[in-house]
Amino acid sequence: MEETYVDNKVGERTFTVDITFKSYPEHVPPEDVFERDDAAYVREQLAAGNPAAWFCAEVTAELQGFTYSVYLGCCSYKSFEQFTSAECGYFPGMVEEATDGLLKKFADLRETCTRLGAI
């Protein structure tokens, strides 16, 4: 999933941050997180071809080639659409955290350039 998601305003400038969601296989066994019946359900969903049943999420904010990523492991949903919905709770928070991290990266870069006399 890739989409333009967040408009930000700093001073008089407004800019758009691109948000990307990626999923990766989770290496922590569901049995380490869930009770036996719930872990069995996750395993059944995975066997049925549902990768959203057990994954690690990555949300990346990107602007002008600069990126900042955040991760959340041990995710279990019926679909990736459910995870990325506004009702999820985790995904909107991850978007905010990635965007804040990216903006801090720019602020740190500006401070460093100023200190070095580059701007």
Protein backbone atom coordinates (compact mmCIF):
# COMPACT_ATOMS: atom_id res chain seq x y z
CA MET A 1 0.00 0.00 0.00
CA GLU A 2 1.39 3.35 -0.97
CA GLU A 3 -0.52 6.56 -0.67
CA THR A 4 -0.17 10.24 -0.08
CA TYR A 5 -1.60 10.50 3.37
CA VAL A 6 -0.46 13.41 5.50
CA ASP A 7 -0.46 17.14 4.79
CA ASN A 8 1.75 19.11 7.14
CA LYS A 9 2.21 22.79 7.71
CA VAL A 10 5.40 24.33 9.03
CA GLY A 11 5.25 28.10 9.21
CA GLU A 12 3.64 29.26 5.97
CA ARG A 13 4.63 26.14 4.01
CA THR A 14 2.37 23.19 3.47
CA PHE A 15 3.80 19.93 2.17
CA THR A 16 2.68 16.36 1.65
CA VAL A 17 4.42 13.40 3.21
CA ASP A 18 4.11 10.07 1.41
CA ILE A 19 3.22 7.17 3.67
CA THR A 20 4.04 3.58 2.79
CA PHE A 21 2.83 0.47 4.60
CA LYS A 22 4.66 -2.83 4.21
CA SER A 23 4.14 -6.13 5.95
CA TYR A 24 6.73 -8.78 6.73
CA PRO A 25 6.37 -12.30 8.05
CA GLU A 26 6.41 -12.32 11.84
CA HIS A 27 9.11 -14.52 13.35
CA VAL A 28 7.66 -14.63 16.86
CA PRO A 29 5.39 -17.68 17.11
CA PRO A 30 1.74 -16.78 17.80
CA GLU A 31 1.87 -19.24 20.71
CA ASP A 32 4.28 -16.84 22.46
CA VAL A 33 1.61 -14.11 22.38
CA PHE A 34 -1.84 -15.73 22.34
CA GLU A 35 -3.69 -18.38 24.28
CA ARG A 36 -3.76 -21.79 22.58
CA ASP A 37 -7.13 -21.38 20.80
CA ASP A 38 -6.25 -17.93 19.47
CA ALA A 39 -2.83 -19.08 18.31
CA ALA A 40 -4.47 -22.03 16.55
CA TYR A 41 -6.85 -19.63 14.78
CA VAL A 42 -3.88 -17.51 13.61
CA ARG A 43 -2.15 -20.63 12.28
CA GLU A 44 -5.34 -21.69 10.47
CA GLN A 45 -5.65 -18.25 8.87
CA LEU A 46 -2.03 -18.36 7.74
CA ALA A 47 -2.50 -21.85 6.29
CA ALA A 48 -5.58 -20.57 4.44
CA GLY A 49 -3.42 -17.91 2.75
CA ASN A 50 -4.19 -14.87 4.90
CA PRO A 51 -0.84 -13.08 5.47
CA ALA A 52 -2.61 -10.42 7.59
CA ALA A 53 -3.26 -13.08 10.23
CA TRP A 54 0.30 -12.71 11.59
CA PHE A 55 2.78 -10.08 10.45
CA CYS A 56 5.19 -7.31 11.33
CA ALA A 57 4.13 -3.86 10.10
CA GLU A 58 6.40 -1.15 8.74
CA VAL A 59 5.11 2.39 8.17
CA THR A 60 7.45 4.79 6.39
CA ALA A 61 7.09 8.54 5.97
CA GLU A 62 8.96 9.96 2.96
CA LEU A 63 9.61 13.50 1.77
CA GLN A 64 12.14 14.54 -0.85
CA GLY A 65 14.03 11.25 -0.57
CA PHE A 66 14.30 11.36 3.23
CA THR A 67 12.57 8.59 5.14
CA TYR A 68 11.67 7.58 8.66
CA SER A 69 10.21 4.16 9.47
CA VAL A 70 8.49 2.68 12.48
CA TYR A 71 7.69 -0.98 13.12
CA LEU A 72 5.12 -2.98 15.04
CA GLY A 73 5.38 -6.73 15.44
CA CYS A 74 2.93 -9.46 16.36
CA CYS A 75 0.05 -7.95 14.35
CA SER A 76 -3.00 -10.12 13.69
CA TYR A 77 -5.93 -8.89 11.56
CA LYS A 78 -8.53 -10.23 9.20
CA SER A 79 -7.02 -8.13 6.39
CA PHE A 80 -4.40 -5.46 5.78
CA GLU A 81 -7.28 -3.09 5.01
CA GLN A 82 -8.56 -3.61 8.55
CA PHE A 83 -5.10 -2.80 9.95
CA THR A 84 -4.73 0.38 7.87
CA SER A 85 -8.21 1.68 8.62
CA ALA A 86 -8.66 4.75 10.80
CA GLU A 87 -10.52 2.58 13.34
CA CYS A 88 -7.49 0.32 13.88
CA GLY A 89 -5.74 2.53 16.38
CA TYR A 90 -2.23 1.30 15.70
CA PHE A 91 -1.85 2.40 12.07
CA PRO A 92 -2.83 6.07 12.57
CA GLY A 93 -0.47 6.22 15.53
CA MET A 94 2.32 4.72 13.43
CA VAL A 95 1.67 7.30 10.69
CA GLU A 96 1.91 10.09 13.27
CA GLU A 97 5.08 8.64 14.80
CA ALA A 98 6.76 8.20 11.40
CA THR A 99 5.79 11.71 10.29
CA ASP A 100 6.99 13.23 13.56
CA GLY A 101 10.25 11.30 13.27
CA LEU A 102 10.76 12.53 9.72
CA LEU A 103 10.12 16.15 10.70
CA LYS A 104 12.56 15.79 13.60
CA LYS A 105 15.11 14.39 11.15
CA PHE A 106 14.74 17.55 9.03
CA ALA A 107 15.01 19.78 12.10
CA ASP A 108 18.17 17.96 13.22
CA LEU A 109 19.63 18.25 9.73
CA ARG A 110 18.90 21.98 9.63
CA GLU A 111 20.48 22.45 13.06
CA THR A 112 23.59 20.54 11.98
CA CYS A 113 23.90 22.52 8.74
CA THR A 114 23.51 25.78 10.63
CA ARG A 115 26.12 24.75 13.17
CA LEU A 116 28.52 23.85 10.33
CA GLY A 117 27.83 27.15 8.58
CA ALA A 118 26.37 25.38 5.56
CA ILE A 119 23.20 27.52 5.67
